[in-house]
């Protein structure tokens, strides 16, 4: 949900309302509204909290209608997952077709691995387009190396200036996988000291 993350809970620790940053005046107003709602609409809040709890507890397997983990996972289901993702692709700039634009390494790792299994060129093309656009864009620190958390626009141009170790660790693995498949030197150089090949392009 982003940060700061503010979540309001019932006395038995079930969430019923949340949000990220609230300006001071809005925060004071919100606290008053929450207090009033809790006093006057307690039953509705309890019902809402139970709904949140059920949603948060639901298995990813159930949520995305995937097969049970104990069953065989078929190649056709990977194709179905790819077709679900495909409408959200930005075919010009890579990534997804909305801002802010996050690197989301697990999606592109899936595309690379799906390509390895299926030889679906479209999956490989979108993964490599995304990786290249991210590395040439403002999200990549051309001087110090590493990636910012996300881009505030759809073109990877304006970064949100913070670097997260967990993002960069996943991105390192992702670019290694991309290099193993494509043998593109630019992917190999990206996390090395000899990354001059990316500058000025």
N, C-alpha and C. Protein backbone atom coordinates (compact mmCIF):
# COMPACT_ATOMS: atom_id res chain seq x y z
N UNK A 1 0.79 -1.22 0.00
CA UNK A 1 0.00 0.00 0.00
C UNK A 1 0.81 1.26 0.00
N UNK A 2 2.13 1.19 0.09
CA UNK A 2 2.95 2.40 0.16
C UNK A 2 3.18 2.81 1.60
N UNK A 3 3.83 3.94 1.79
CA UNK A 3 4.11 4.40 3.14
C UNK A 3 4.03 5.91 3.18
N UNK A 4 3.75 6.54 4.34
CA UNK A 4 3.41 5.81 5.57
C UNK A 4 2.09 5.07 5.38
N UNK A 5 1.96 3.91 6.00
CA UNK A 5 0.74 3.12 5.89
C UNK A 5 -0.03 3.24 7.20
N UNK A 6 -1.25 3.74 7.11
CA UNK A 6 -2.10 3.89 8.28
C UNK A 6 -3.29 2.96 8.13
N UNK A 7 -3.48 2.08 9.10
CA UNK A 7 -4.58 1.12 9.05
C UNK A 7 -5.35 1.20 10.37
N UNK A 8 -6.66 1.30 10.26
CA UNK A 8 -7.52 1.33 11.44
C UNK A 8 -8.06 -0.08 11.66
N UNK A 9 -7.97 -0.53 12.92
CA UNK A 9 -8.35 -1.89 13.28
C UNK A 9 -9.49 -1.89 14.29
N UNK A 10 -10.25 -2.97 14.26
CA UNK A 10 -11.24 -3.20 15.32
C UNK A 10 -10.47 -3.66 16.57
N UNK A 11 -11.12 -3.70 17.74
CA UNK A 11 -10.42 -4.15 18.95
C UNK A 11 -9.81 -5.55 18.83
N UNK A 12 -10.37 -6.40 17.96
CA UNK A 12 -9.78 -7.73 17.79
C UNK A 12 -8.81 -7.78 16.60
N UNK A 13 -8.28 -6.62 16.24
CA UNK A 13 -7.18 -6.47 15.27
C UNK A 13 -7.55 -6.81 13.83
N UNK A 14 -8.79 -6.57 13.43
CA UNK A 14 -9.19 -6.74 12.03
C UNK A 14 -9.20 -5.37 11.36
N UNK A 15 -8.52 -5.22 10.21
CA UNK A 15 -8.50 -3.91 9.54
C UNK A 15 -9.86 -3.57 8.92
N UNK A 16 -10.25 -2.29 9.02
CA UNK A 16 -11.49 -1.89 8.37
C UNK A 16 -11.32 -0.65 7.50
N UNK A 17 -10.22 0.07 7.65
CA UNK A 17 -9.96 1.23 6.79
C UNK A 17 -8.47 1.52 6.80
N UNK A 18 -7.96 1.99 5.65
CA UNK A 18 -6.54 2.32 5.60
C UNK A 18 -6.23 3.32 4.50
N UNK A 19 -5.04 3.83 4.55
CA UNK A 19 -4.57 4.77 3.53
C UNK A 19 -3.11 5.06 3.74
N UNK A 20 -2.52 5.77 2.79
CA UNK A 20 -1.10 6.12 2.93
C UNK A 20 -1.00 7.51 3.54
N UNK A 21 -0.42 8.47 2.87
CA UNK A 21 -0.18 9.78 3.48
C UNK A 21 -1.45 10.61 3.51
N UNK A 22 -1.73 11.21 4.67
CA UNK A 22 -2.82 12.16 4.82
C UNK A 22 -2.22 13.48 5.30
N UNK A 23 -2.44 14.59 4.60
CA UNK A 23 -1.96 15.89 5.11
C UNK A 23 -2.54 16.14 6.50
N UNK A 24 -1.88 16.95 7.33
CA UNK A 24 -2.31 17.15 8.71
C UNK A 24 -3.79 17.49 8.89
N UNK A 25 -4.31 18.41 8.08
CA UNK A 25 -5.73 18.79 8.24
C UNK A 25 -6.64 17.62 7.89
N UNK A 26 -6.30 16.89 6.84
CA UNK A 26 -7.10 15.72 6.45
C UNK A 26 -7.03 14.63 7.52
N UNK A 27 -5.85 14.48 8.12
CA UNK A 27 -5.67 13.45 9.14
C UNK A 27 -6.57 13.71 10.35
N UNK A 28 -6.59 14.96 10.80
CA UNK A 28 -7.43 15.32 11.95
C UNK A 28 -8.91 15.08 11.62
N UNK A 29 -9.30 15.46 10.41
CA UNK A 29 -10.69 15.26 9.96
C UNK A 29 -11.02 13.77 9.88
N UNK A 30 -10.09 12.99 9.34
CA UNK A 30 -10.30 11.55 9.21
C UNK A 30 -10.47 10.89 10.57
N UNK A 31 -9.63 11.27 11.53
CA UNK A 31 -9.74 10.69 12.87
C UNK A 31 -11.12 10.94 13.47
N UNK A 32 -11.64 12.15 13.25
CA UNK A 32 -12.99 12.46 13.74
C UNK A 32 -14.06 11.61 13.06
N UNK A 33 -13.91 11.43 11.75
CA UNK A 33 -14.89 10.62 11.00
C UNK A 33 -14.83 9.15 11.42
N UNK A 34 -13.61 8.65 11.62
CA UNK A 34 -13.45 7.25 12.05
C UNK A 34 -14.08 7.05 13.42
N UNK A 35 -13.83 7.98 14.32
CA UNK A 35 -14.38 7.89 15.67
C UNK A 35 -15.91 7.90 15.63
N UNK A 36 -16.47 8.80 14.82
CA UNK A 36 -17.93 8.90 14.70
C UNK A 36 -18.50 7.62 14.09
N UNK A 37 -17.87 7.13 13.01
CA UNK A 37 -18.35 5.90 12.35
C UNK A 37 -18.28 4.72 13.32
N UNK A 38 -17.21 4.66 14.12
CA UNK A 38 -17.04 3.55 15.05
C UNK A 38 -18.13 3.58 16.13
N UNK A 39 -18.50 4.78 16.54
CA UNK A 39 -19.53 4.91 17.57
C UNK A 39 -20.93 4.67 17.02
N UNK A 40 -21.19 5.11 15.79
CA UNK A 40 -22.56 5.08 15.26
C UNK A 40 -22.85 3.92 14.30
N UNK A 41 -21.81 3.34 13.72
CA UNK A 41 -22.00 2.29 12.70
C UNK A 41 -21.09 1.09 12.97
N UNK A 42 -21.03 0.70 14.22
CA UNK A 42 -20.12 -0.36 14.63
C UNK A 42 -20.39 -1.68 13.88
N UNK A 43 -21.66 -2.00 13.67
CA UNK A 43 -22.00 -3.26 13.00
C UNK A 43 -21.48 -3.26 11.55
N UNK A 44 -21.62 -2.13 10.85
CA UNK A 44 -21.12 -2.03 9.46
C UNK A 44 -19.60 -2.16 9.43
N UNK A 45 -18.94 -1.56 10.41
CA UNK A 45 -17.48 -1.63 10.48
C UNK A 45 -17.04 -3.08 10.71
N UNK A 46 -17.72 -3.78 11.60
CA UNK A 46 -17.39 -5.19 11.87
C UNK A 46 -17.56 -6.03 10.60
N UNK A 47 -18.64 -5.75 9.84
CA UNK A 47 -18.91 -6.49 8.61
C UNK A 47 -17.81 -6.20 7.58
N UNK A 48 -17.44 -4.93 7.46
CA UNK A 48 -16.37 -4.53 6.53
C UNK A 48 -15.05 -5.19 6.92
N UNK A 49 -14.76 -5.20 8.22
CA UNK A 49 -13.51 -5.80 8.71
C UNK A 49 -13.47 -7.29 8.40
N UNK A 50 -14.60 -7.95 8.54
CA UNK A 50 -14.65 -9.39 8.25
C UNK A 50 -14.40 -9.63 6.76
N UNK A 51 -14.94 -8.76 5.91
CA UNK A 51 -14.70 -8.86 4.47
C UNK A 51 -13.23 -8.66 4.13
N UNK A 52 -12.59 -7.66 4.75
CA UNK A 52 -11.14 -7.44 4.55
C UNK A 52 -10.36 -8.67 4.96
N UNK A 53 -10.71 -9.22 6.12
CA UNK A 53 -10.00 -10.38 6.64
C UNK A 53 -10.09 -11.56 5.66
N UNK A 54 -11.29 -11.80 5.14
CA UNK A 54 -11.47 -12.90 4.19
C UNK A 54 -10.65 -12.68 2.92
N UNK A 55 -10.66 -11.44 2.40
CA UNK A 55 -9.90 -11.12 1.19
C UNK A 55 -8.41 -11.31 1.41
N UNK A 56 -7.91 -10.81 2.55
CA UNK A 56 -6.47 -10.92 2.83
C UNK A 56 -6.05 -12.36 3.10
N UNK A 57 -6.97 -13.18 3.58
CA UNK A 57 -6.66 -14.57 3.91
C UNK A 57 -6.76 -15.51 2.71
N UNK A 58 -7.39 -15.04 1.64
CA UNK A 58 -7.64 -15.92 0.50
C UNK A 58 -6.34 -16.30 -0.19
N UNK A 59 -6.20 -17.55 -0.48
CA UNK A 59 -5.01 -18.09 -1.15
C UNK A 59 -4.87 -17.51 -2.55
N UNK A 60 -3.63 -17.27 -2.98
CA UNK A 60 -3.38 -16.81 -4.35
C UNK A 60 -3.90 -17.82 -5.37
N UNK A 61 -3.83 -19.09 -5.01
CA UNK A 61 -4.31 -20.16 -5.90
C UNK A 61 -5.81 -19.97 -6.16
N UNK A 62 -6.57 -19.67 -5.10
CA UNK A 62 -8.01 -19.45 -5.24
C UNK A 62 -8.27 -18.11 -5.92
N UNK A 63 -7.56 -17.06 -5.48
CA UNK A 63 -7.78 -15.71 -5.98
C UNK A 63 -7.62 -15.63 -7.50
N UNK A 64 -6.60 -16.30 -8.04
CA UNK A 64 -6.33 -16.23 -9.48
C UNK A 64 -6.77 -17.47 -10.23
N UNK A 65 -7.60 -18.32 -9.56
CA UNK A 65 -8.16 -19.50 -10.19
C UNK A 65 -7.09 -20.40 -10.80
N UNK A 66 -6.02 -20.63 -10.04
CA UNK A 66 -4.94 -21.50 -10.49
C UNK A 66 -5.18 -22.91 -9.96
N UNK A 67 -4.40 -23.84 -10.46
CA UNK A 67 -4.56 -25.21 -9.99
C UNK A 67 -4.03 -25.34 -8.57
N UNK A 68 -4.46 -26.35 -7.87
CA UNK A 68 -3.94 -26.61 -6.53
C UNK A 68 -2.46 -26.95 -6.63
N UNK A 69 -1.70 -26.56 -5.62
CA UNK A 69 -0.25 -26.79 -5.63
C UNK A 69 0.11 -28.26 -5.73
N UNK A 70 -0.76 -29.13 -5.24
CA UNK A 70 -0.45 -30.55 -5.25
C UNK A 70 -0.65 -31.18 -6.63
N UNK A 71 -1.34 -30.46 -7.52
CA UNK A 71 -1.60 -31.00 -8.86
C UNK A 71 -0.52 -30.56 -9.83
N UNK A 72 -0.49 -31.21 -10.97
CA UNK A 72 0.48 -30.85 -12.00
C UNK A 72 0.13 -29.48 -12.58
N UNK A 73 1.14 -28.65 -12.76
CA UNK A 73 0.94 -27.33 -13.34
C UNK A 73 1.25 -27.43 -14.83
N UNK A 74 0.25 -27.19 -15.68
CA UNK A 74 0.39 -27.45 -17.11
C UNK A 74 0.85 -26.22 -17.88
N UNK A 75 1.51 -26.46 -19.00
CA UNK A 75 2.01 -25.39 -19.85
C UNK A 75 0.88 -24.47 -20.33
N UNK A 76 -0.30 -25.06 -20.57
CA UNK A 76 -1.43 -24.26 -21.04
C UNK A 76 -1.82 -23.19 -20.01
N UNK A 77 -1.65 -23.52 -18.73
CA UNK A 77 -2.01 -22.55 -17.69
C UNK A 77 -1.03 -21.38 -17.67
N UNK A 78 0.23 -21.65 -18.02
CA UNK A 78 1.19 -20.55 -18.16
C UNK A 78 0.76 -19.63 -19.29
N UNK A 79 0.30 -20.23 -20.39
CA UNK A 79 -0.20 -19.43 -21.51
C UNK A 79 -1.40 -18.60 -21.12
N UNK A 80 -2.26 -19.17 -20.27
CA UNK A 80 -3.43 -18.43 -19.81
C UNK A 80 -3.00 -17.26 -18.93
N UNK A 81 -2.00 -17.47 -18.07
CA UNK A 81 -1.49 -16.39 -17.23
C UNK A 81 -0.90 -15.27 -18.10
N UNK A 82 -0.17 -15.66 -19.15
CA UNK A 82 0.41 -14.67 -20.06
C UNK A 82 -0.70 -13.86 -20.73
N UNK A 83 -1.75 -14.53 -21.18
CA UNK A 83 -2.83 -13.81 -21.87
C UNK A 83 -3.58 -12.87 -20.92
N UNK A 84 -3.62 -13.20 -19.63
CA UNK A 84 -4.24 -12.30 -18.64
C UNK A 84 -3.38 -11.05 -18.45
N UNK A 85 -2.06 -11.22 -18.44
CA UNK A 85 -1.15 -10.09 -18.25
C UNK A 85 -1.07 -9.17 -19.47
N UNK A 86 -1.14 -9.77 -20.65
CA UNK A 86 -0.83 -9.08 -21.90
C UNK A 86 -1.57 -7.76 -22.13
N UNK A 87 -2.87 -7.64 -21.84
CA UNK A 87 -3.56 -6.36 -22.09
C UNK A 87 -2.99 -5.18 -21.31
N UNK A 88 -2.27 -5.44 -20.22
CA UNK A 88 -1.72 -4.33 -19.42
C UNK A 88 -0.33 -3.89 -19.88
N UNK A 89 0.23 -4.54 -20.91
CA UNK A 89 1.59 -4.21 -21.36
C UNK A 89 1.62 -2.88 -22.11
N UNK A 90 2.65 -2.09 -21.84
CA UNK A 90 2.95 -0.89 -22.62
C UNK A 90 3.90 -1.33 -23.73
N UNK A 91 3.40 -1.43 -24.95
CA UNK A 91 4.18 -1.99 -26.05
C UNK A 91 5.19 -1.01 -26.63
N UNK A 92 5.12 0.24 -26.20
CA UNK A 92 6.09 1.24 -26.68
C UNK A 92 7.24 1.44 -25.69
N UNK A 93 6.90 1.56 -24.40
CA UNK A 93 7.91 1.89 -23.39
C UNK A 93 8.21 0.75 -22.43
N UNK A 94 7.55 -0.38 -22.61
CA UNK A 94 7.76 -1.50 -21.70
C UNK A 94 7.01 -1.29 -20.40
N UNK A 95 7.05 -2.29 -19.56
CA UNK A 95 6.33 -2.23 -18.30
C UNK A 95 4.84 -2.29 -18.52
N UNK A 96 4.09 -1.77 -17.57
CA UNK A 96 2.65 -1.74 -17.68
C UNK A 96 2.21 -0.39 -18.24
N UNK A 97 0.96 -0.33 -18.70
CA UNK A 97 0.49 0.87 -19.41
C UNK A 97 -0.16 1.89 -18.47
N UNK A 98 0.48 2.14 -17.33
CA UNK A 98 -0.04 3.16 -16.42
C UNK A 98 1.11 3.71 -15.57
N UNK A 99 0.85 4.86 -14.96
CA UNK A 99 1.82 5.46 -14.05
C UNK A 99 1.18 5.52 -12.67
N UNK A 100 1.97 5.47 -11.60
CA UNK A 100 3.43 5.29 -11.61
C UNK A 100 3.79 3.91 -12.14
N UNK A 101 5.03 3.80 -12.61
CA UNK A 101 5.48 2.57 -13.25
C UNK A 101 6.57 1.93 -12.39
N UNK A 102 6.26 0.75 -11.84
CA UNK A 102 7.19 0.02 -10.99
C UNK A 102 7.92 -1.03 -11.82
N UNK A 103 9.17 -1.36 -11.46
CA UNK A 103 9.89 -2.41 -12.19
C UNK A 103 9.21 -3.79 -12.14
N UNK A 104 8.66 -4.18 -11.01
CA UNK A 104 7.95 -5.45 -10.85
C UNK A 104 8.72 -6.65 -11.41
N UNK A 105 9.89 -6.96 -10.83
CA UNK A 105 10.75 -8.03 -11.35
C UNK A 105 10.08 -9.38 -11.50
N UNK A 106 9.15 -9.72 -10.64
CA UNK A 106 8.54 -11.05 -10.72
C UNK A 106 7.76 -11.24 -12.02
N UNK A 107 7.16 -10.17 -12.54
CA UNK A 107 6.42 -10.28 -13.80
C UNK A 107 7.38 -10.60 -14.94
N UNK A 108 8.51 -9.91 -14.98
CA UNK A 108 9.43 -10.09 -16.12
C UNK A 108 10.26 -11.37 -15.98
N UNK A 109 10.45 -11.81 -14.74
CA UNK A 109 11.05 -13.13 -14.53
C UNK A 109 10.09 -14.20 -15.05
N UNK A 110 8.79 -14.02 -14.78
CA UNK A 110 7.80 -14.96 -15.31
C UNK A 110 7.86 -14.97 -16.84
N UNK A 111 7.91 -13.79 -17.47
CA UNK A 111 7.93 -13.73 -18.94
C UNK A 111 9.17 -14.43 -19.51
N UNK A 112 10.33 -14.22 -18.87
CA UNK A 112 11.55 -14.88 -19.34
C UNK A 112 11.44 -16.40 -19.20
N UNK A 113 10.91 -16.84 -18.08
CA UNK A 113 10.80 -18.29 -17.85
C UNK A 113 9.71 -18.90 -18.73
N UNK A 114 8.65 -18.15 -18.94
CA UNK A 114 7.60 -18.61 -19.84
C UNK A 114 8.17 -18.76 -21.26
N UNK A 115 8.97 -17.78 -21.67
CA UNK A 115 9.61 -17.89 -22.99
C UNK A 115 10.49 -19.13 -23.07
N UNK A 116 11.26 -19.41 -22.02
CA UNK A 116 12.15 -20.57 -22.01
C UNK A 116 11.38 -21.88 -22.20
N UNK A 117 10.16 -21.92 -21.68
CA UNK A 117 9.34 -23.12 -21.79
C UNK A 117 8.58 -23.17 -23.13
N UNK A 118 8.00 -22.02 -23.51
CA UNK A 118 7.06 -22.00 -24.65
C UNK A 118 7.66 -21.50 -25.96
N UNK A 119 8.80 -20.78 -25.86
CA UNK A 119 9.40 -20.09 -27.01
C UNK A 119 8.46 -19.03 -27.58
N UNK A 120 7.60 -18.46 -26.72
CA UNK A 120 6.70 -17.39 -27.13
C UNK A 120 7.51 -16.10 -27.27
N UNK A 121 7.77 -15.70 -28.51
CA UNK A 121 8.61 -14.52 -28.79
C UNK A 121 8.02 -13.24 -28.22
N UNK A 122 6.70 -13.17 -28.16
CA UNK A 122 6.05 -11.98 -27.63
C UNK A 122 6.40 -11.77 -26.16
N UNK A 123 6.47 -12.83 -25.40
CA UNK A 123 6.84 -12.75 -23.98
C UNK A 123 8.27 -12.25 -23.84
N UNK A 124 9.18 -12.81 -24.64
CA UNK A 124 10.58 -12.38 -24.59
C UNK A 124 10.71 -10.93 -25.03
N UNK A 125 10.00 -10.56 -26.08
CA UNK A 125 10.08 -9.19 -26.61
C UNK A 125 9.64 -8.18 -25.56
N UNK A 126 8.55 -8.48 -24.84
CA UNK A 126 8.08 -7.51 -23.85
C UNK A 126 9.04 -7.44 -22.66
N UNK A 127 9.56 -8.58 -22.24
CA UNK A 127 10.51 -8.58 -21.12
C UNK A 127 11.75 -7.77 -21.47
N UNK A 128 12.33 -8.01 -22.65
CA UNK A 128 13.57 -7.30 -23.01
C UNK A 128 13.31 -5.83 -23.31
N UNK A 129 12.15 -5.50 -23.89
CA UNK A 129 11.80 -4.09 -24.10
C UNK A 129 11.76 -3.38 -22.75
N UNK A 130 11.11 -3.99 -21.78
CA UNK A 130 10.99 -3.40 -20.44
C UNK A 130 12.35 -3.22 -19.80
N UNK A 131 13.18 -4.26 -19.82
CA UNK A 131 14.49 -4.18 -19.18
C UNK A 131 15.37 -3.11 -19.84
N UNK A 132 15.31 -3.01 -21.15
CA UNK A 132 16.12 -2.01 -21.85
C UNK A 132 15.62 -0.60 -21.56
N UNK A 133 14.31 -0.38 -21.62
CA UNK A 133 13.76 0.96 -21.36
C UNK A 133 14.02 1.39 -19.91
N UNK A 134 13.94 0.46 -18.98
CA UNK A 134 14.24 0.81 -17.58
C UNK A 134 15.70 1.25 -17.45
N UNK A 135 16.59 0.51 -18.09
CA UNK A 135 18.02 0.80 -17.95
C UNK A 135 18.43 2.09 -18.66
N UNK A 136 17.75 2.43 -19.75
CA UNK A 136 18.05 3.68 -20.45
C UNK A 136 17.31 4.87 -19.85
N UNK A 137 16.35 4.63 -18.98
CA UNK A 137 15.52 5.70 -18.44
C UNK A 137 16.09 6.32 -17.17
N UNK A 138 15.35 7.24 -16.64
CA UNK A 138 15.77 7.96 -15.44
C UNK A 138 15.68 7.13 -14.17
N UNK A 139 15.02 6.01 -14.22
CA UNK A 139 14.90 5.16 -13.03
C UNK A 139 16.24 4.51 -12.68
N UNK A 140 17.12 4.36 -13.69
CA UNK A 140 18.44 3.77 -13.46
C UNK A 140 19.44 4.89 -13.16
N UNK A 141 20.19 4.74 -12.09
CA UNK A 141 21.20 5.73 -11.69
C UNK A 141 22.46 5.52 -12.52
N UNK A 142 22.64 6.36 -13.53
CA UNK A 142 23.76 6.21 -14.46
C UNK A 142 25.11 6.47 -13.79
N UNK A 143 25.12 7.22 -12.70
CA UNK A 143 26.38 7.54 -12.02
C UNK A 143 26.68 6.52 -10.92
N UNK A 144 25.74 6.30 -10.04
CA UNK A 144 25.98 5.44 -8.89
C UNK A 144 25.54 4.00 -9.06
N UNK A 145 24.80 3.73 -10.13
CA UNK A 145 24.30 2.38 -10.33
C UNK A 145 23.04 2.12 -9.52
N UNK A 146 22.35 1.08 -9.86
CA UNK A 146 21.13 0.70 -9.15
C UNK A 146 19.91 1.42 -9.67
N UNK A 147 18.75 0.93 -9.26
CA UNK A 147 17.48 1.45 -9.72
C UNK A 147 16.71 2.13 -8.59
N UNK A 148 16.03 3.22 -8.94
CA UNK A 148 15.11 3.86 -8.01
C UNK A 148 13.87 2.99 -7.87
N UNK A 149 13.09 3.30 -6.87
CA UNK A 149 11.91 2.49 -6.53
C UNK A 149 10.91 2.38 -7.68
N UNK A 150 10.62 3.52 -8.33
CA UNK A 150 9.67 3.51 -9.45
C UNK A 150 9.79 4.80 -10.22
N UNK A 151 9.12 4.84 -11.36
CA UNK A 151 9.05 6.04 -12.19
C UNK A 151 7.68 6.67 -11.99
N UNK A 152 7.65 7.99 -11.86
CA UNK A 152 6.37 8.67 -11.63
C UNK A 152 5.58 8.86 -12.93
N UNK A 153 6.21 8.58 -14.07
CA UNK A 153 5.56 8.73 -15.36
C UNK A 153 5.54 7.38 -16.09
N UNK A 154 5.00 7.36 -17.31
CA UNK A 154 4.90 6.11 -18.06
C UNK A 154 6.14 5.83 -18.91
N UNK A 155 7.12 6.73 -18.90
CA UNK A 155 8.28 6.58 -19.79
C UNK A 155 9.58 6.26 -19.05
N UNK A 156 9.50 5.88 -17.80
CA UNK A 156 10.67 5.57 -16.96
C UNK A 156 11.59 6.79 -16.83
N UNK A 157 11.05 8.00 -17.03
CA UNK A 157 11.90 9.20 -17.07
C UNK A 157 12.12 9.83 -15.71
N UNK A 158 11.05 10.03 -14.94
CA UNK A 158 11.15 10.76 -13.67
C UNK A 158 11.10 9.79 -12.50
N UNK A 159 12.26 9.52 -11.90
CA UNK A 159 12.28 8.53 -10.82
C UNK A 159 11.76 9.07 -9.50
N UNK A 160 11.25 8.15 -8.68
CA UNK A 160 10.98 8.46 -7.28
C UNK A 160 12.28 8.11 -6.57
N UNK A 161 12.94 9.13 -6.01
CA UNK A 161 14.34 8.97 -5.58
C UNK A 161 14.51 8.23 -4.27
N UNK A 162 14.40 6.95 -4.32
CA UNK A 162 14.82 6.09 -3.23
C UNK A 162 15.19 4.76 -3.86
N UNK A 163 16.20 4.13 -3.33
CA UNK A 163 16.63 2.83 -3.83
C UNK A 163 16.39 1.81 -2.73
N UNK A 164 15.75 0.72 -3.11
CA UNK A 164 15.44 -0.33 -2.15
C UNK A 164 16.30 -1.55 -2.47
N UNK A 165 16.93 -2.08 -1.43
CA UNK A 165 17.79 -3.25 -1.61
C UNK A 165 17.00 -4.43 -2.15
N UNK A 166 15.79 -4.63 -1.65
CA UNK A 166 15.01 -5.80 -2.11
C UNK A 166 14.63 -5.66 -3.58
N UNK A 167 14.40 -4.43 -4.08
CA UNK A 167 14.14 -4.24 -5.51
C UNK A 167 15.39 -4.54 -6.32
N UNK A 168 16.51 -3.96 -5.91
CA UNK A 168 17.74 -4.11 -6.68
C UNK A 168 18.27 -5.54 -6.66
N UNK A 169 18.06 -6.24 -5.55
CA UNK A 169 18.44 -7.66 -5.50
C UNK A 169 17.67 -8.47 -6.53
N UNK A 170 16.36 -8.23 -6.61
CA UNK A 170 15.55 -8.95 -7.59
C UNK A 170 15.91 -8.53 -9.02
N UNK A 171 16.18 -7.23 -9.21
CA UNK A 171 16.53 -6.75 -10.55
C UNK A 171 17.87 -7.32 -11.00
N UNK A 172 18.81 -7.46 -10.09
CA UNK A 172 20.10 -8.09 -10.43
C UNK A 172 19.86 -9.50 -10.96
N UNK A 173 19.06 -10.29 -10.24
CA UNK A 173 18.75 -11.65 -10.69
C UNK A 173 18.04 -11.63 -12.04
N UNK A 174 17.12 -10.67 -12.21
CA UNK A 174 16.36 -10.58 -13.45
C UNK A 174 17.26 -10.28 -14.65
N UNK A 175 18.17 -9.32 -14.50
CA UNK A 175 19.07 -8.98 -15.61
C UNK A 175 20.04 -10.13 -15.90
N UNK A 176 20.43 -10.87 -14.87
CA UNK A 176 21.27 -12.06 -15.10
C UNK A 176 20.51 -13.07 -15.94
N UNK A 177 19.24 -13.33 -15.59
CA UNK A 177 18.43 -14.27 -16.38
C UNK A 177 18.27 -13.79 -17.82
N UNK A 178 18.05 -12.49 -17.98
CA UNK A 178 17.90 -11.93 -19.33
C UNK A 178 19.19 -12.11 -20.13
N UNK A 179 20.33 -11.92 -19.47
CA UNK A 179 21.61 -12.13 -20.16
C UNK A 179 21.78 -13.60 -20.55
N UNK A 180 21.43 -14.50 -19.65
CA UNK A 180 21.58 -15.93 -19.95
C UNK A 180 20.77 -16.34 -21.18
N UNK A 181 19.61 -15.71 -21.36
CA UNK A 181 18.75 -16.06 -22.50
C UNK A 181 19.19 -15.34 -23.77
N UNK A 182 19.49 -14.04 -23.66
CA UNK A 182 19.73 -13.23 -24.86
C UNK A 182 21.20 -13.05 -25.21
N UNK A 183 22.09 -13.22 -24.23
CA UNK A 183 23.54 -12.95 -24.38
C UNK A 183 23.81 -11.48 -24.72
N UNK A 184 22.89 -10.60 -24.33
CA UNK A 184 23.08 -9.16 -24.53
C UNK A 184 24.07 -8.63 -23.50
N UNK A 185 25.20 -8.10 -23.97
CA UNK A 185 26.23 -7.59 -23.07
C UNK A 185 25.71 -6.49 -22.15
N UNK A 186 24.78 -5.68 -22.66
CA UNK A 186 24.27 -4.56 -21.84
C UNK A 186 23.65 -5.07 -20.54
N UNK A 187 23.01 -6.24 -20.57
CA UNK A 187 22.42 -6.78 -19.35
C UNK A 187 23.50 -7.25 -18.39
N UNK A 188 24.57 -7.77 -18.93
CA UNK A 188 25.69 -8.25 -18.10
C UNK A 188 26.41 -7.07 -17.44
N UNK A 189 26.54 -5.98 -18.17
CA UNK A 189 27.30 -4.83 -17.67
C UNK A 189 26.55 -3.98 -16.65
N UNK A 190 25.26 -4.10 -16.63
CA UNK A 190 24.43 -3.16 -15.87
C UNK A 190 24.78 -3.08 -14.40
N UNK A 191 25.10 -4.20 -13.77
CA UNK A 191 25.39 -4.21 -12.34
C UNK A 191 26.89 -4.38 -12.07
N UNK A 192 27.72 -4.10 -13.07
CA UNK A 192 29.17 -4.19 -12.87
C UNK A 192 29.76 -2.79 -12.88
N UNK A 193 31.02 -2.69 -12.49
CA UNK A 193 31.69 -1.38 -12.50
C UNK A 193 31.95 -0.91 -13.92
N UNK A 194 31.97 -1.83 -14.88
CA UNK A 194 32.21 -1.46 -16.26
C UNK A 194 30.87 -1.20 -16.97
N UNK A 195 30.06 -0.31 -16.41
CA UNK A 195 28.74 -0.09 -16.97
C UNK A 195 28.70 1.16 -17.86
N UNK A 196 29.87 1.62 -18.34
CA UNK A 196 29.92 2.82 -19.17
C UNK A 196 29.11 2.69 -20.46
N UNK A 197 28.90 1.47 -20.91
CA UNK A 197 28.16 1.26 -22.14
C UNK A 197 26.74 1.79 -22.09
N UNK A 198 26.20 1.99 -20.88
CA UNK A 198 24.84 2.49 -20.75
C UNK A 198 24.79 4.00 -20.80
N UNK A 199 25.89 4.64 -20.48
CA UNK A 199 25.86 6.11 -20.35
C UNK A 199 25.78 6.79 -21.70
N UNK A 200 25.02 7.85 -21.76
CA UNK A 200 24.96 8.67 -22.96
C UNK A 200 24.20 8.05 -24.11
N UNK A 201 23.40 7.03 -23.85
CA UNK A 201 22.65 6.40 -24.94
C UNK A 201 21.21 6.81 -24.89
